[in-house]
Amino acid sequence: QVQLVESGGGLVQPGGSLRLSCLASSRSIFRISTMGWYRQAPGKQRELVTTITSGGTTNYADSVKGRFAISRDNAKATIYLQMNSLKPEDGAVYYCRMGNNYWGQGTQVTVSS
């Protein structure tokens, strides 16, 4: 069983930045897995934000292109989500996902003045 632990959420003003991290408990599985960030706002379905393959290919939702950046550090079994120019509509619980099977517990991001 792989565990994923997110961190880095919090309250930020519109236009601000945050960096989320997700640490995986298995470095060997992490290294070969596509990793992703998803988010879920109150009353809405969980949606894809971005993914990164084991080879480093990235994919972004149109709503975050040019503002968010995903990266991975295989040695640390960690992915990151750099979020810039945050908007109130970016506020949600952000979840880390490994492959199709594993989810983290989520970290809250609130964008408000």
C-alpha atoms as a PDB file:
ATOM      1  CA  GLN A   1       0.000   0.000   0.000  1.00  0.00           C
ATOM      2  CA  VAL A   2       1.446   3.334  -1.058  1.00  0.00           C
ATOM      3  CA  GLN A   3       0.808   6.433   0.998  1.00  0.00           C
ATOM      4  CA  LEU A   4       0.798   9.950  -0.394  1.00  0.00           C
ATOM      5  CA  VAL A   5       1.100  12.953   1.880  1.00  0.00           C
ATOM      6  CA  GLU A   6       0.382  16.445   0.596  1.00  0.00           C
ATOM      7  CA  SER A   7       1.560  19.651   2.217  1.00  0.00           C
ATOM      8  CA  GLY A   8       1.866  23.342   1.462  1.00  0.00           C
ATOM      9  CA  GLY A   9      -1.737  24.435   1.341  1.00  0.00           C
ATOM     10  CA  GLY A  10      -3.003  27.531   3.058  1.00  0.00           C
ATOM     11  CA  LEU A  11      -4.580  30.931   2.675  1.00  0.00           C
ATOM     12  CA  VAL A  12      -3.224  33.273   0.018  1.00  0.00           C
ATOM     13  CA  GLN A  13      -4.396  36.540  -1.489  1.00  0.00           C
ATOM     14  CA  PRO A  14      -5.470  36.737  -5.136  1.00  0.00           C
ATOM     15  CA  GLY A  15      -2.392  37.098  -7.307  1.00  0.00           C
ATOM     16  CA  GLY A  16      -0.240  35.278  -4.789  1.00  0.00           C
ATOM     17  CA  SER A  17       1.680  32.016  -4.995  1.00  0.00           C
ATOM     18  CA  LEU A  18       1.831  28.701  -3.196  1.00  0.00           C
ATOM     19  CA  ARG A  19       3.857  25.547  -3.673  1.00  0.00           C
ATOM     20  CA  LEU A  20       2.312  22.205  -2.848  1.00  0.00           C
ATOM     21  CA  SER A  21       4.299  19.039  -2.225  1.00  0.00           C
ATOM     22  CA  CYS A  22       3.323  15.388  -2.293  1.00  0.00           C
ATOM     23  CA  LEU A  23       5.589  12.776  -0.769  1.00  0.00           C
ATOM     24  CA  ALA A  24       5.145   9.132  -1.747  1.00  0.00           C
ATOM     25  CA  SER A  25       6.036   6.281   0.592  1.00  0.00           C
ATOM     26  CA  SER A  26       7.455   4.077  -2.173  1.00  0.00           C
ATOM     27  CA  ARG A  27      10.305   5.486  -4.206  1.00  0.00           C
ATOM     28  CA  SER A  28      10.409   2.498  -6.557  1.00  0.00           C
ATOM     29  CA  ILE A  29       6.742   2.747  -7.485  1.00  0.00           C
ATOM     30  CA  PHE A  30       6.921   6.534  -7.609  1.00  0.00           C
ATOM     31  CA  ARG A  31       9.732   6.443 -10.148  1.00  0.00           C
ATOM     32  CA  ILE A  32       7.673   4.520 -12.714  1.00  0.00           C
ATOM     33  CA  SER A  33       4.330   6.205 -12.061  1.00  0.00           C
ATOM     34  CA  THR A  34       2.428   9.016 -13.652  1.00  0.00           C
ATOM     35  CA  MET A  35       1.667  11.493 -10.896  1.00  0.00           C
ATOM     36  CA  GLY A  36      -1.010  14.128 -10.822  1.00  0.00           C
ATOM     37  CA  TRP A  37      -2.709  16.911  -8.959  1.00  0.00           C
ATOM     38  CA  TYR A  38      -6.476  17.142  -8.804  1.00  0.00           C
ATOM     39  CA  ARG A  39      -8.726  19.567  -6.991  1.00  0.00           C
ATOM     40  CA  GLN A  40     -12.231  19.641  -5.637  1.00  0.00           C
ATOM     41  CA  ALA A  41     -14.116  22.768  -4.713  1.00  0.00           C
ATOM     42  CA  PRO A  42     -17.229  22.681  -2.510  1.00  0.00           C
ATOM     43  CA  GLY A  43     -20.239  21.434  -4.461  1.00  0.00           C
ATOM     44  CA  LYS A  44     -18.140  20.525  -7.494  1.00  0.00           C
ATOM     45  CA  GLN A  45     -16.675  17.360  -8.906  1.00  0.00           C
ATOM     46  CA  ARG A  46     -13.022  16.560  -8.504  1.00  0.00           C
ATOM     47  CA  GLU A  47     -11.127  17.765 -11.560  1.00  0.00           C
ATOM     48  CA  LEU A  48      -7.737  17.219 -13.098  1.00  0.00           C
ATOM     49  CA  VAL A  49      -5.258  20.033 -12.636  1.00  0.00           C
ATOM     50  CA  THR A  50      -2.061  18.571 -14.040  1.00  0.00           C
ATOM     51  CA  THR A  51      -0.128  15.364 -14.539  1.00  0.00           C
ATOM     52  CA  ILE A  52       3.481  14.394 -15.079  1.00  0.00           C
ATOM     53  CA  THR A  53       4.627  11.078 -16.489  1.00  0.00           C
ATOM     54  CA  SER A  54       7.612   9.079 -15.328  1.00  0.00           C
ATOM     55  CA  GLY A  55       9.490  10.572 -18.258  1.00  0.00           C
ATOM     56  CA  GLY A  56       8.590  14.126 -17.326  1.00  0.00           C
ATOM     57  CA  THR A  57       5.880  14.843 -19.871  1.00  0.00           C
ATOM     58  CA  THR A  58       3.365  17.262 -18.425  1.00  0.00           C
ATOM     59  CA  ASN A  59      -0.280  18.011 -19.092  1.00  0.00           C
ATOM     60  CA  TYR A  60      -2.337  20.908 -17.727  1.00  0.00           C
ATOM     61  CA  ALA A  61      -5.972  21.883 -17.500  1.00  0.00           C
ATOM     62  CA  ASP A  62      -6.667  24.929 -19.648  1.00  0.00           C
ATOM     63  CA  SER A  63      -7.676  26.891 -16.562  1.00  0.00           C
ATOM     64  CA  VAL A  64      -4.174  26.696 -15.050  1.00  0.00           C
ATOM     65  CA  LYS A  65      -1.915  26.762 -18.111  1.00  0.00           C
ATOM     66  CA  GLY A  66       0.765  29.399 -17.797  1.00  0.00           C
ATOM     67  CA  ARG A  67       0.164  29.816 -14.060  1.00  0.00           C
ATOM     68  CA  PHE A  68       0.811  26.398 -12.524  1.00  0.00           C
ATOM     69  CA  ALA A  69       3.831  24.130 -12.951  1.00  0.00           C
ATOM     70  CA  ILE A  70       4.219  20.523 -11.895  1.00  0.00           C
ATOM     71  CA  SER A  71       7.607  18.948 -11.276  1.00  0.00           C
ATOM     72  CA  ARG A  72       8.970  15.772  -9.771  1.00  0.00           C
ATOM     73  CA  ASP A  73      12.039  14.685  -7.855  1.00  0.00           C
ATOM     74  CA  ASN A  74      12.418  10.935  -8.158  1.00  0.00           C
ATOM     75  CA  ALA A  75      15.210  10.805  -5.579  1.00  0.00           C
ATOM     76  CA  LYS A  76      12.859  12.318  -3.019  1.00  0.00           C
ATOM     77  CA  ALA A  77       9.734  10.542  -4.294  1.00  0.00           C
ATOM     78  CA  THR A  78       8.051  13.923  -4.334  1.00  0.00           C
ATOM     79  CA  ILE A  79       6.054  15.965  -6.759  1.00  0.00           C
ATOM     80  CA  TYR A  80       5.485  19.670  -6.525  1.00  0.00           C
ATOM     81  CA  LEU A  81       2.862  22.071  -7.757  1.00  0.00           C
ATOM     82  CA  GLN A  82       3.989  25.659  -8.115  1.00  0.00           C
ATOM     83  CA  MET A  83       0.901  27.847  -8.283  1.00  0.00           C
ATOM     84  CA  ASN A  84       1.286  31.461  -9.345  1.00  0.00           C
ATOM     85  CA  SER A  85      -1.182  34.256 -10.063  1.00  0.00           C
ATOM     86  CA  LEU A  86      -3.759  32.498  -7.940  1.00  0.00           C
ATOM     87  CA  LYS A  87      -7.426  33.342  -8.400  1.00  0.00           C
ATOM     88  CA  PRO A  88     -10.340  32.871  -5.995  1.00  0.00           C
ATOM     89  CA  GLU A  89     -11.634  30.111  -8.256  1.00  0.00           C
ATOM     90  CA  ASP A  90      -8.426  28.145  -7.651  1.00  0.00           C
ATOM     91  CA  GLY A  91      -9.519  27.632  -4.064  1.00  0.00           C
ATOM     92  CA  ALA A  92     -10.177  23.937  -3.419  1.00  0.00           C
ATOM     93  CA  VAL A  93      -8.843  20.852  -1.731  1.00  0.00           C
ATOM     94  CA  TYR A  94      -5.887  19.695  -3.789  1.00  0.00           C
ATOM     95  CA  TYR A  95      -5.218  15.987  -4.038  1.00  0.00           C
ATOM     96  CA  CYS A  96      -2.149  14.128  -5.168  1.00  0.00           C
ATOM     97  CA  ARG A  97      -2.621  10.979  -7.219  1.00  0.00           C
ATOM     98  CA  MET A  98      -0.261   8.157  -8.160  1.00  0.00           C
ATOM     99  CA  GLY A  99      -1.259   6.164 -11.216  1.00  0.00           C
ATOM    100  CA  ASN A 100      -4.882   5.084 -11.054  1.00  0.00           C
ATOM    101  CA  ASN A 101      -4.864   3.581  -7.595  1.00  0.00           C
ATOM    102  CA  TYR A 102      -3.578   5.923  -4.947  1.00  0.00           C
ATOM    103  CA  TRP A 103      -4.755   9.250  -3.567  1.00  0.00           C
ATOM    104  CA  GLY A 104      -3.465  11.524  -0.872  1.00  0.00           C
ATOM    105  CA  GLN A 105      -5.656  12.970   1.858  1.00  0.00           C
ATOM    106  CA  GLY A 106      -5.728  16.443   0.323  1.00  0.00           C
ATOM    107  CA  THR A 107      -4.546  19.887   1.297  1.00  0.00           C
ATOM    108  CA  GLN A 108      -6.750  22.969   1.428  1.00  0.00           C
ATOM    109  CA  VAL A 109      -5.965  25.993  -0.715  1.00  0.00           C
ATOM    110  CA  THR A 110      -7.954  29.149  -0.066  1.00  0.00           C
ATOM    111  CA  VAL A 111      -7.554  32.218  -2.252  1.00  0.00           C
ATOM    112  CA  SER A 112      -9.145  35.239  -0.678  1.00  0.00           C
ATOM    113  CA  SER A 113      -8.439  38.814   0.261  1.00  0.00           C
END
